[in-house]
C-alpha atoms as a PDB file:
ATOM      1  CA  MET A   1      58.313-126.454 -98.985  1.00  0.00           C
ATOM      2  CA  LYS A   2      58.838-130.403-100.072  1.00  0.00           C
ATOM      3  CA  SER A   3      54.504-130.461 -98.631  1.00  0.00           C
ATOM      4  CA  LEU A   4      53.974-127.658-101.243  1.00  0.00           C
ATOM      5  CA  PHE A   5      52.823-128.021-105.202  1.00  0.00           C
ATOM      6  CA  VAL A   6      52.970-123.872-106.444  1.00  0.00           C
ATOM      7  CA  GLY A   7      50.954-123.192-109.911  1.00  0.00           C
ATOM      8  CA  LEU A   8      50.526-120.128-112.329  1.00  0.00           C
ATOM      9  CA  ILE A   9      47.762-119.193-114.872  1.00  0.00           C
ATOM     10  CA  THR A  10      49.277-117.328-117.283  1.00  0.00           C
ATOM     11  CA  HIS A  11      48.502-117.228-121.611  1.00  0.00           C
ATOM     12  CA  LYS A  12      51.168-116.238-124.135  1.00  0.00           C
ATOM     13  CA  ASN A  13      49.638-112.898-124.588  1.00  0.00           C
ATOM     14  CA  SER A  14      49.561-111.468-121.338  1.00  0.00           C
ATOM     15  CA  LYS A  15      50.833-108.513-119.868  1.00  0.00           C
ATOM     16  CA  TYR A  16      52.388-110.058-116.652  1.00  0.00           C
ATOM     17  CA  LEU A  17      55.130-111.661-118.597  1.00  0.00           C
ATOM     18  CA  ASN A  18      58.350-110.067-119.856  1.00  0.00           C
ATOM     19  CA  ALA A  19      59.898-109.950-123.854  1.00  0.00           C
ATOM     20  CA  TYR A  20      61.127-113.732-122.934  1.00  0.00           C
ATOM     21  CA  GLY A  21      57.751-115.190-121.904  1.00  0.00           C
ATOM     22  CA  GLU A  22      58.617-115.249-118.288  1.00  0.00           C
ATOM     23  CA  HIS A  23      56.827-114.607-114.735  1.00  0.00           C
ATOM     24  CA  LEU A  24      59.526-112.835-112.945  1.00  0.00           C
ATOM     25  CA  GLN A  25      57.437-112.737-109.802  1.00  0.00           C
ATOM     26  CA  PHE A  26      57.093-116.156-110.115  1.00  0.00           C
ATOM     27  CA  SER A  27      60.288-117.280-111.264  1.00  0.00           C
ATOM     28  CA  ALA A  28      60.912-115.156-107.834  1.00  0.00           C
ATOM     29  CA  LEU A  29      58.529-116.714-105.671  1.00  0.00           C
ATOM     30  CA  ILE A  30      59.828-120.346-106.548  1.00  0.00           C
ATOM     31  CA  LEU A  31      63.451-119.842-105.475  1.00  0.00           C
ATOM     32  CA  LEU A  32      62.350-118.509-102.017  1.00  0.00           C
ATOM     33  CA  LEU A  33      59.652-121.550-101.433  1.00  0.00           C
ATOM     34  CA  LYS A  34      61.368-124.523-102.863  1.00  0.00           C
ATOM     35  CA  PRO A  35      58.376-126.589-103.249  1.00  0.00           C
ATOM     36  CA  ASN A  36      58.069-130.317-104.021  1.00  0.00           C
ATOM     37  CA  LYS A  37      56.684-129.509-107.762  1.00  0.00           C
ATOM     38  CA  ALA A  38      55.533-126.484-109.767  1.00  0.00           C
ATOM     39  CA  LYS A  39      53.872-125.934-113.173  1.00  0.00           C
ATOM     40  CA  ILE A  40      52.671-123.022-115.445  1.00  0.00           C
ATOM     41  CA  SER A  41      49.801-123.409-117.159  1.00  0.00           C
ATOM     42  CA  MET A  42      49.738-121.574-120.751  1.00  0.00           C
ATOM     43  CA  ASP A  43      47.383-122.300-122.664  1.00  0.00           C
ATOM     44  CA  ASP A  44      46.112-119.863-125.290  1.00  0.00           C
ATOM     45  CA  VAL A  45      42.516-118.031-124.684  1.00  0.00           C
ATOM     46  CA  VAL A  46      41.820-118.779-128.457  1.00  0.00           C
ATOM     47  CA  LYS A  47      41.892-122.460-127.963  1.00  0.00           C
ATOM     48  CA  ALA A  48      38.862-122.067-125.913  1.00  0.00           C
ATOM     49  CA  PHE A  49      37.108-120.094-128.875  1.00  0.00           C
ATOM     50  CA  GLY A  50      35.289-123.389-130.235  1.00  0.00           C
ATOM     51  CA  PHE A  51      32.355-123.113-126.798  1.00  0.00           C
ATOM     52  CA  LYS A  52      28.987-124.687-127.109  1.00  0.00           C
ATOM     53  CA  ALA A  53      27.495-121.781-125.454  1.00  0.00           C
ATOM     54  CA  SER A  54      24.225-119.881-127.375  1.00  0.00           C
ATOM     55  CA  ARG A  55      23.119-116.144-126.041  1.00  0.00           C
ATOM     56  CA  CYS A  56      20.601-117.627-124.220  1.00  0.00           C
ATOM     57  CA  ASN A  57      23.231-120.139-122.842  1.00  0.00           C
ATOM     58  CA  ILE A  58      25.031-116.985-121.830  1.00  0.00           C
ATOM     59  CA  LEU A  59      22.105-114.937-120.853  1.00  0.00           C
ATOM     60  CA  PHE A  60      20.840-118.399-118.354  1.00  0.00           C
ATOM     61  CA  ASP A  61      24.673-118.287-116.626  1.00  0.00           C
ATOM     62  CA  THR A  62      24.260-115.102-115.375  1.00  0.00           C
ATOM     63  CA  LEU A  63      20.933-115.061-113.966  1.00  0.00           C
ATOM     64  CA  TYR A  64      21.950-118.602-112.220  1.00  0.00           C
ATOM     65  CA  LEU A  65      24.888-116.883-110.868  1.00  0.00           C
ATOM     66  CA  SER A  66      22.885-114.228-109.755  1.00  0.00           C
ATOM     67  CA  SER A  67      20.348-116.480-108.245  1.00  0.00           C
ATOM     68  CA  ILE A  68      23.094-118.347-105.715  1.00  0.00           C
ATOM     69  CA  PHE A  69      24.784-114.372-105.277  1.00  0.00           C
ATOM     70  CA  PHE A  70      20.970-113.242-104.499  1.00  0.00           C
ATOM     71  CA  THR A  71      20.343-116.083-101.947  1.00  0.00           C
ATOM     72  CA  ILE A  72      24.033-115.985-100.310  1.00  0.00           C
ATOM     73  CA  GLN A  73      23.924-112.305 -99.585  1.00  0.00           C
ATOM     74  CA  ALA A  74      20.022-112.557 -97.979  1.00  0.00           C
ATOM     75  CA  LYS A  75      21.836-115.359 -95.450  1.00  0.00           C
ATOM     76  CA  LEU A  76      24.737-112.864 -94.921  1.00  0.00           C
ATOM     77  CA  LEU A  77      22.304-110.124 -94.182  1.00  0.00           C
ATOM     78  CA  GLN A  78      20.268-112.405 -91.131  1.00  0.00           C
ATOM     79  CA  GLN A  79      23.222-113.626 -89.919  1.00  0.00           C
ATOM     80  CA  SER A  80      25.024-110.193 -89.440  1.00  0.00           C
ATOM     81  CA  SER A  81      21.770-109.192 -87.725  1.00  0.00           C
ATOM     82  CA  PHE A  82      21.329-106.400 -90.746  1.00  0.00           C
ATOM     83  CA  LYS A  83      24.690-105.330 -89.798  1.00  0.00           C
ATOM     84  CA  ASN A  84      26.182-105.379 -92.945  1.00  0.00           C
ATOM     85  CA  LEU A  85      23.223-103.904 -94.717  1.00  0.00           C
ATOM     86  CA  ASN A  86      24.874-100.903 -96.639  1.00  0.00           C
ATOM     87  CA  ILE A  87      27.399-103.478 -97.766  1.00  0.00           C
ATOM     88  CA  VAL A  88      25.121-105.983 -99.302  1.00  0.00           C
ATOM     89  CA  LEU A  89      22.648-103.274-100.759  1.00  0.00           C
ATOM     90  CA  TYR A  90      25.830-102.491-102.630  1.00  0.00           C
ATOM     91  CA  ASN A  91      27.245-105.277-103.353  1.00  0.00           C
ATOM     92  CA  ILE A  92      23.736-106.283-105.097  1.00  0.00           C
ATOM     93  CA  PHE A  93      23.435-103.086-106.306  1.00  0.00           C
ATOM     94  CA  LEU A  94      26.557-103.837-108.298  1.00  0.00           C
ATOM     95  CA  GLN A  95      25.386-107.883-109.378  1.00  0.00           C
ATOM     96  CA  ILE A  96      22.379-106.074-111.018  1.00  0.00           C
ATOM     97  CA  ILE A  97      24.437-104.145-113.158  1.00  0.00           C
ATOM     98  CA  TYR A  98      26.625-106.955-114.035  1.00  0.00           C
ATOM     99  CA  ILE A  99      23.890-108.551-115.070  1.00  0.00           C
ATOM    100  CA  SER A 100      22.381-105.220-117.919  1.00  0.00           C
ATOM    101  CA  GLN A 101      26.225-105.404-118.679  1.00  0.00           C
ATOM    102  CA  ILE A 102      25.965-108.767-120.186  1.00  0.00           C
ATOM    103  CA  SER A 103      22.049-108.435-121.628  1.00  0.00           C
ATOM    104  CA  LEU A 104      23.779-105.266-122.996  1.00  0.00           C
ATOM    105  CA  LYS A 105      26.637-107.488-124.388  1.00  0.00           C
ATOM    106  CA  ILE A 106      24.272-109.742-126.002  1.00  0.00           C
ATOM    107  CA  ILE A 107      21.962-107.914-127.723  1.00  0.00           C
ATOM    108  CA  PHE A 108      24.584-105.643-129.365  1.00  0.00           C
ATOM    109  CA  SER A 109      26.114-108.755-130.952  1.00  0.00           C
ATOM    110  CA  LEU A 110      22.992-109.802-132.592  1.00  0.00           C
ATOM    111  CA  PHE A 111      23.716-106.322-134.589  1.00  0.00           C
ATOM    112  CA  SER A 112      27.928-106.062-134.676  1.00  0.00           C
ATOM    113  CA  VAL A 113      30.281-108.876-135.810  1.00  0.00           C
ATOM    114  CA  LYS A 114      32.486-106.784-133.183  1.00  0.00           C
ATOM    115  CA  ALA A 115      30.307-107.187-130.398  1.00  0.00           C
ATOM    116  CA  ASN A 116      29.624-110.544-131.018  1.00  0.00           C
ATOM    117  CA  TYR A 117      33.387-111.649-131.312  1.00  0.00           C
ATOM    118  CA  GLU A 118      33.898-109.861-128.147  1.00  0.00           C
ATOM    119  CA  LEU A 119      30.675-111.924-126.406  1.00  0.00           C
ATOM    120  CA  CYS A 120      32.804-114.967-127.210  1.00  0.00           C
ATOM    121  CA  LEU A 121      36.093-113.836-126.683  1.00  0.00           C
ATOM    122  CA  HIS A 122      34.435-113.015-122.891  1.00  0.00           C
ATOM    123  CA  VAL A 123      33.020-116.911-122.457  1.00  0.00           C
ATOM    124  CA  SER A 124      36.232-117.979-124.237  1.00  0.00           C
ATOM    125  CA  ARG A 125      38.190-116.209-121.821  1.00  0.00           C
ATOM    126  CA  GLN A 126      35.972-117.894-119.172  1.00  0.00           C
ATOM    127  CA  ILE A 127      35.795-121.385-120.116  1.00  0.00           C
ATOM    128  CA  ASN A 128      40.228-121.192-120.506  1.00  0.00           C
ATOM    129  CA  ILE A 129      40.870-119.604-117.120  1.00  0.00           C
ATOM    130  CA  THR A 130      38.539-122.056-115.171  1.00  0.00           C
ATOM    131  CA  ASN A 131      40.399-125.342-117.418  1.00  0.00           C
ATOM    132  CA  ALA A 132      43.152-124.048-115.853  1.00  0.00           C
ATOM    133  CA  HIS A 133      42.166-123.708-112.491  1.00  0.00           C
ATOM    134  CA  LYS A 134      41.071-127.595-112.275  1.00  0.00           C
ATOM    135  CA  THR A 135      43.753-128.881-113.939  1.00  0.00           C
ATOM    136  CA  LEU A 136      46.396-127.342-112.212  1.00  0.00           C
ATOM    137  CA  LEU A 137      44.507-128.997-109.298  1.00  0.00           C
ATOM    138  CA  LYS A 138      44.231-132.742-110.547  1.00  0.00           C
ATOM    139  CA  ASP A 139      48.173-131.799-111.243  1.00  0.00           C
ATOM    140  CA  SER A 140      48.754-130.826-107.503  1.00  0.00           C
ATOM    141  CA  LEU A 141      46.613-134.094-106.728  1.00  0.00           C
ATOM    142  CA  LYS A 142      49.624-135.886-108.436  1.00  0.00           C
ATOM    143  CA  SER A 143      52.531-133.919-106.655  1.00  0.00           C
ATOM    144  CA  ASP A 144      52.383-136.411-103.549  1.00  0.00           C
ATOM    145  CA  SER A 145      52.299-132.693-102.035  1.00  0.00           C
ATOM    146  CA  LYS A 146      49.984-131.904 -99.135  1.00  0.00           C
ATOM    147  CA  PHE A 147      49.102-128.302 -99.938  1.00  0.00           C
ATOM    148  CA  SER A 148      48.425-126.356-103.179  1.00  0.00           C
ATOM    149  CA  LEU A 149      49.216-122.633-103.885  1.00  0.00           C
ATOM    150  CA  ILE A 150      47.143-121.499-107.721  1.00  0.00           C
ATOM    151  CA  LEU A 151      47.872-118.214-108.961  1.00  0.00           C
ATOM    152  CA  GLU A 152      47.231-116.490-110.895  1.00  0.00           C
ATOM    153  CA  ASP A 153      49.671-113.720-113.540  1.00  0.00           C
ATOM    154  CA  ASP A 154      47.900-110.812-111.982  1.00  0.00           C
ATOM    155  CA  PHE A 155      49.576-111.265-108.714  1.00  0.00           C
ATOM    156  CA  TYR A 156      52.981-109.569-107.100  1.00  0.00           C
ATOM    157  CA  LEU A 157      54.660-110.537-104.183  1.00  0.00           C
ATOM    158  CA  ASN A 158      54.968-108.093-100.746  1.00  0.00           C
ATOM    159  CA  ASN A 159      58.505-107.832-100.166  1.00  0.00           C
ATOM    160  CA  ASP A 160      58.110-106.585 -97.156  1.00  0.00           C
ATOM    161  CA  LEU A 161      57.111-109.302 -95.484  1.00  0.00           C
ATOM    162  CA  ASN A 162      58.439-112.927 -94.805  1.00  0.00           C
ATOM    163  CA  LEU A 163      57.059-115.054 -96.959  1.00  0.00           C
ATOM    164  CA  VAL A 164      58.709-118.073 -96.038  1.00  0.00           C
ATOM    165  CA  GLU A 165      58.046-118.276 -92.671  1.00  0.00           C
ATOM    166  CA  ILE A 166      54.614-116.788 -93.823  1.00  0.00           C
ATOM    167  CA  MET A 167      53.893-120.240 -95.931  1.00  0.00           C
ATOM    168  CA  SER A 168      55.563-122.099 -92.726  1.00  0.00           C
ATOM    169  CA  ASN A 169      53.018-120.336 -90.235  1.00  0.00           C
ATOM    170  CA  LEU A 170      49.671-120.945 -92.790  1.00  0.00           C
ATOM    171  CA  PHE A 171      50.696-125.294 -92.928  1.00  0.00           C
ATOM    172  CA  ASP A 172      50.782-124.923 -89.032  1.00  0.00           C
ATOM    173  CA  TYR A 173      47.221-123.541 -89.544  1.00  0.00           C
ATOM    174  CA  LEU A 174      45.988-126.101 -91.478  1.00  0.00           C
ATOM    175  CA  ASN A 175      47.720-128.350 -89.674  1.00  0.00           C
ATOM    176  CA  GLN A 176      45.911-127.682 -85.927  1.00  0.00           C
ATOM    177  CA  PHE A 177      42.588-126.478 -87.740  1.00  0.00           C
ATOM    178  CA  SER A 178      41.058-129.867 -90.526  1.00  0.00           C
ATOM    179  CA  GLU A 179      37.570-127.589 -90.780  1.00  0.00           C
ATOM    180  CA  THR A 180      39.631-124.749 -93.121  1.00  0.00           C
ATOM    181  CA  LEU A 181      39.974-126.067 -96.554  1.00  0.00           C
ATOM    182  CA  LEU A 182      41.235-123.053 -98.465  1.00  0.00           C
ATOM    183  CA  ILE A 183      42.651-119.712 -97.821  1.00  0.00           C
ATOM    184  CA  ASP A 184      42.061-116.810 -99.580  1.00  0.00           C
ATOM    185  CA  LEU A 185      46.074-114.961 -99.267  1.00  0.00           C
ATOM    186  CA  SER A 186      45.257-112.376-101.985  1.00  0.00           C
ATOM    187  CA  GLU A 187      45.439-108.644-101.218  1.00  0.00           C
ATOM    188  CA  SER A 188      42.024-107.843-103.399  1.00  0.00           C
ATOM    189  CA  PHE A 189      38.843-107.325-101.769  1.00  0.00           C
ATOM    190  CA  SER A 190      38.709-106.919 -98.143  1.00  0.00           C
ATOM    191  CA  ILE A 191      35.896-108.551 -95.469  1.00  0.00           C
ATOM    192  CA  LYS A 192      34.224-105.427 -95.310  1.00  0.00           C
ATOM    193  CA  GLU A 193      33.751-105.148 -99.038  1.00  0.00           C
ATOM    194  CA  LEU A 194      32.570-108.588 -99.061  1.00  0.00           C
ATOM    195  CA  GLY A 195      29.401-108.099 -96.482  1.00  0.00           C
ATOM    196  CA  LEU A 196      31.876-110.747 -94.365  1.00  0.00           C
ATOM    197  CA  GLU A 197      33.157-108.079 -91.363  1.00  0.00           C
ATOM    198  CA  PHE A 198      29.997-108.772 -88.925  1.00  0.00           C
ATOM    199  CA  VAL A 199      30.485-113.071 -89.633  1.00  0.00           C
ATOM    200  CA  VAL A 200      33.161-113.746 -87.915  1.00  0.00           C
ATOM    201  CA  THR A 201      33.687-116.847 -86.383  1.00  0.00           C
ATOM    202  CA  LYS A 202      37.065-117.272 -85.667  1.00  0.00           C
ATOM    203  CA  SER A 203      40.499-114.972 -86.258  1.00  0.00           C
ATOM    204  CA  TYR A 204      44.175-115.596 -85.977  1.00  0.00           C
ATOM    205  CA  SER A 205      46.974-113.721 -85.804  1.00  0.00           C
ATOM    206  CA  LEU A 206      50.035-115.488 -87.430  1.00  0.00           C
ATOM    207  CA  PRO A 207      52.787-116.490 -84.630  1.00  0.00           C
ATOM    208  CA  VAL A 208      55.709-114.781 -87.134  1.00  0.00           C
ATOM    209  CA  ASN A 209      53.387-111.317 -88.222  1.00  0.00           C
ATOM    210  CA  THR A 210      50.491-110.862 -85.903  1.00  0.00           C
ATOM    211  CA  GLN A 211      49.346-108.006 -88.226  1.00  0.00           C
ATOM    212  CA  LEU A 212      48.204-111.195 -90.463  1.00  0.00           C
ATOM    213  CA  LYS A 213      45.022-112.386 -89.244  1.00  0.00           C
ATOM    214  CA  ILE A 214      43.458-115.682 -90.937  1.00  0.00           C
ATOM    215  CA  PHE A 215      40.169-114.851 -90.884  1.00  0.00           C
ATOM    216  CA  SER A 216      36.724-117.815 -90.855  1.00  0.00           C
ATOM    217  CA  PHE A 217      32.817-116.950 -91.425  1.00  0.00           C
ATOM    218  CA  LYS A 218      29.580-118.144 -90.667  1.00  0.00           C
ATOM    219  CA  GLN A 219      28.803-118.431 -94.209  1.00  0.00           C
ATOM    220  CA  SER A 220      31.978-119.253 -96.537  1.00  0.00           C
ATOM    221  CA  VAL A 221      31.976-116.262 -99.757  1.00  0.00           C
ATOM    222  CA  SER A 222      34.928-116.177-101.794  1.00  0.00           C
ATOM    223  CA  ASN A 223      36.896-113.838-102.908  1.00  0.00           C
ATOM    224  CA  THR A 224      39.200-113.858-106.286  1.00  0.00           C
ATOM    225  CA  VAL A 225      41.057-116.311-106.769  1.00  0.00           C
ATOM    226  CA  CYS A 226      44.117-114.969-107.658  1.00  0.00           C
ATOM    227  CA  ALA A 227      45.986-116.295-104.709  1.00  0.00           C
ATOM    228  CA  THR A 228      44.755-119.531-102.664  1.00  0.00           C
ATOM    229  CA  LEU A 229      46.622-121.751-100.549  1.00  0.00           C
ATOM    230  CA  TYR A 230      44.118-125.764-101.064  1.00  0.00           C
ATOM    231  CA  ARG A 231      44.044-128.678 -98.563  1.00  0.00           C
ATOM    232  CA  ASN A 232      45.088-131.074-100.570  1.00  0.00           C
ATOM    233  CA  SER A 233      42.429-133.546 -98.967  1.00  0.00           C
ATOM    234  CA  CYS A 234      39.797-130.946-100.191  1.00  0.00           C
ATOM    235  CA  ILE A 235      40.526-130.745-104.176  1.00  0.00           C
ATOM    236  CA  PRO A 236      38.420-134.266-105.342  1.00  0.00           C
ATOM    237  CA  ALA A 237      35.615-133.400-103.759  1.00  0.00           C
ATOM    238  CA  LEU A 238      35.630-129.379-104.844  1.00  0.00           C
ATOM    239  CA  LEU A 239      36.626-130.736-108.473  1.00  0.00           C
ATOM    240  CA  LEU A 240      33.481-132.792-108.191  1.00  0.00           C
ATOM    241  CA  ALA A 241      31.782-129.388-107.701  1.00  0.00           C
ATOM    242  CA  LEU A 242      33.213-127.866-110.447  1.00  0.00           C
ATOM    243  CA  ASP A 243      32.377-130.696-112.642  1.00  0.00           C
ATOM    244  CA  ASP A 244      29.513-129.926-112.387  1.00  0.00           C
ATOM    245  CA  LEU A 245      28.848-126.349-113.020  1.00  0.00           C
ATOM    246  CA  ASP A 246      30.683-126.644-116.448  1.00  0.00           C
ATOM    247  CA  LYS A 247      27.443-126.706-118.031  1.00  0.00           C
ATOM    248  CA  PHE A 248      27.374-122.780-116.732  1.00  0.00           C
ATOM    249  CA  PRO A 249      30.586-121.852-119.577  1.00  0.00           C
ATOM    250  CA  SER A 250      30.046-118.200-119.274  1.00  0.00           C
ATOM    251  CA  ILE A 251      30.828-118.477-115.336  1.00  0.00           C
ATOM    252  CA  PRO A 252      33.723-117.163-114.031  1.00  0.00           C
ATOM    253  CA  ILE A 253      35.851-118.869-112.109  1.00  0.00           C
ATOM    254  CA  ASP A 254      35.798-116.621-109.035  1.00  0.00           C
ATOM    255  CA  HIS A 255      32.180-117.842-108.666  1.00  0.00           C
ATOM    256  CA  LYS A 256      32.058-121.179-109.676  1.00  0.00           C
ATOM    257  CA  ILE A 257      34.636-121.591-106.622  1.00  0.00           C
ATOM    258  CA  ASN A 258      31.676-119.778-103.833  1.00  0.00           C
ATOM    259  CA  ILE A 259      29.347-121.315-106.109  1.00  0.00           C
ATOM    260  CA  ALA A 260      30.603-125.086-104.917  1.00  0.00           C
ATOM    261  CA  LEU A 261      31.480-124.071-101.561  1.00  0.00           C
ATOM    262  CA  HIS A 262      27.944-123.272-101.005  1.00  0.00           C
ATOM    263  CA  LYS A 263      26.211-126.415-102.681  1.00  0.00           C
ATOM    264  CA  LEU A 264      29.315-128.621-100.610  1.00  0.00           C
ATOM    265  CA  THR A 265      28.507-126.493 -97.120  1.00  0.00           C
ATOM    266  CA  LYS A 266      24.374-126.903 -98.237  1.00  0.00           C
ATOM    267  CA  ASN A 267      25.054-130.666 -98.363  1.00  0.00           C
ATOM    268  CA  SER A 268      26.608-131.164 -95.470  1.00  0.00           C
ATOM    269  CA  LYS A 269      30.309-132.090 -97.109  1.00  0.00           C
ATOM    270  CA  VAL A 270      32.144-129.398 -95.922  1.00  0.00           C
ATOM    271  CA  LEU A 271      31.733-126.763 -92.999  1.00  0.00           C
ATOM    272  CA  ASN A 272      30.613-123.444 -93.010  1.00  0.00           C
ATOM    273  CA  ASP A 273      33.664-122.089 -92.131  1.00  0.00           C
ATOM    274  CA  ALA A 274      35.766-124.122 -94.320  1.00  0.00           C
ATOM    275  CA  TYR A 275      36.778-121.049 -96.383  1.00  0.00           C
ATOM    276  CA  ALA A 276      38.986-118.541 -94.532  1.00  0.00           C
ATOM    277  CA  ILE A 277      41.185-115.334 -96.076  1.00  0.00           C
ATOM    278  CA  LEU A 278      44.288-114.078 -94.819  1.00  0.00           C
ATOM    279  CA  GLU A 279      44.221-110.094 -94.311  1.00  0.00           C
ATOM    280  CA  PRO A 280      46.224-108.262 -95.453  1.00  0.00           C
ATOM    281  CA  GLY A 281      46.733-110.324 -98.380  1.00  0.00           C
ATOM    282  CA  ILE A 282      50.298-111.471 -99.152  1.00  0.00           C
ATOM    283  CA  PHE A 283      50.189-111.253-102.678  1.00  0.00           C
ATOM    284  CA  ILE A 284      48.842-108.093-104.113  1.00  0.00           C
ATOM    285  CA  GLN A 285      46.405-108.059-106.927  1.00  0.00           C
ATOM    286  CA  GLN A 286      47.751-105.749-109.794  1.00  0.00           C
ATOM    287  CA  SER A 287      44.415-106.112-111.358  1.00  0.00           C
ATOM    288  CA  LEU A 288      42.454-104.686-108.395  1.00  0.00           C
ATOM    289  CA  LYS A 289      45.292-102.759-106.231  1.00  0.00           C
ATOM    290  CA  GLY A 290      47.587-101.050-108.866  1.00  0.00           C
ATOM    291  CA  GLU A 291      50.954-102.196-110.867  1.00  0.00           C
ATOM    292  CA  LEU A 292      53.515-103.238-109.525  1.00  0.00           C
ATOM    293  CA  PRO A 293      55.887-100.640-108.573  1.00  0.00           C
END
């Protein structure tokens, strides 16, 4: 697939690498797809350990993230005519728990060396993962590829599917629907779990397998970034939006992508349905769906 760049994000101590430091699922994927270019980002998480973020910064990051999250959830509630009330309330409840957990980590870090180390490690990990995503996105722009598939190392392939034909169908879809800029391909959180069930604007069944459907929505709400297919022409604007979020180092990249899309949509730089989800996903996220069988 000469129009595709493929990138993997991992680190040298990842449990998803074998004894020789190889990611066998990624190697199998490269053999299948034969992309224009493939690259692995394998930085040590401790390299980002010298971050400049005080406890106040971390708390501010969390509150800023939550304010955006609550705003998006309110929009989803309105757009669904309150049909997704239960799941929106549940997601808000989970976010409140997240705020509480971060707050407790900050408090414990004041009195415990171990807790302080774990807090630093948490933030340095988020910085490392974000930088790895941005590095691969920049590399994809240098590859003369039209599309990019960026993967995190906790994925594994669904061997029951014809991946080559599915990817070909996805390219055809992106060529046909120019408003779609990125598609989540991971089997992670479902549309229902994200609160998007009642705000679907378009669904498209892949010709190779009609059980696989691409969904677009009234509101861009990103899933995890375990496996994302990008239209390369959208990457420069996305990178600029992500660079603007560097001042919030402890926010995970999953949420930064969501915030970036939210801002780009708000500023009319992209359409509401720029983000799409393939369901069921073709790359299974082990950290959510269980280990490779």
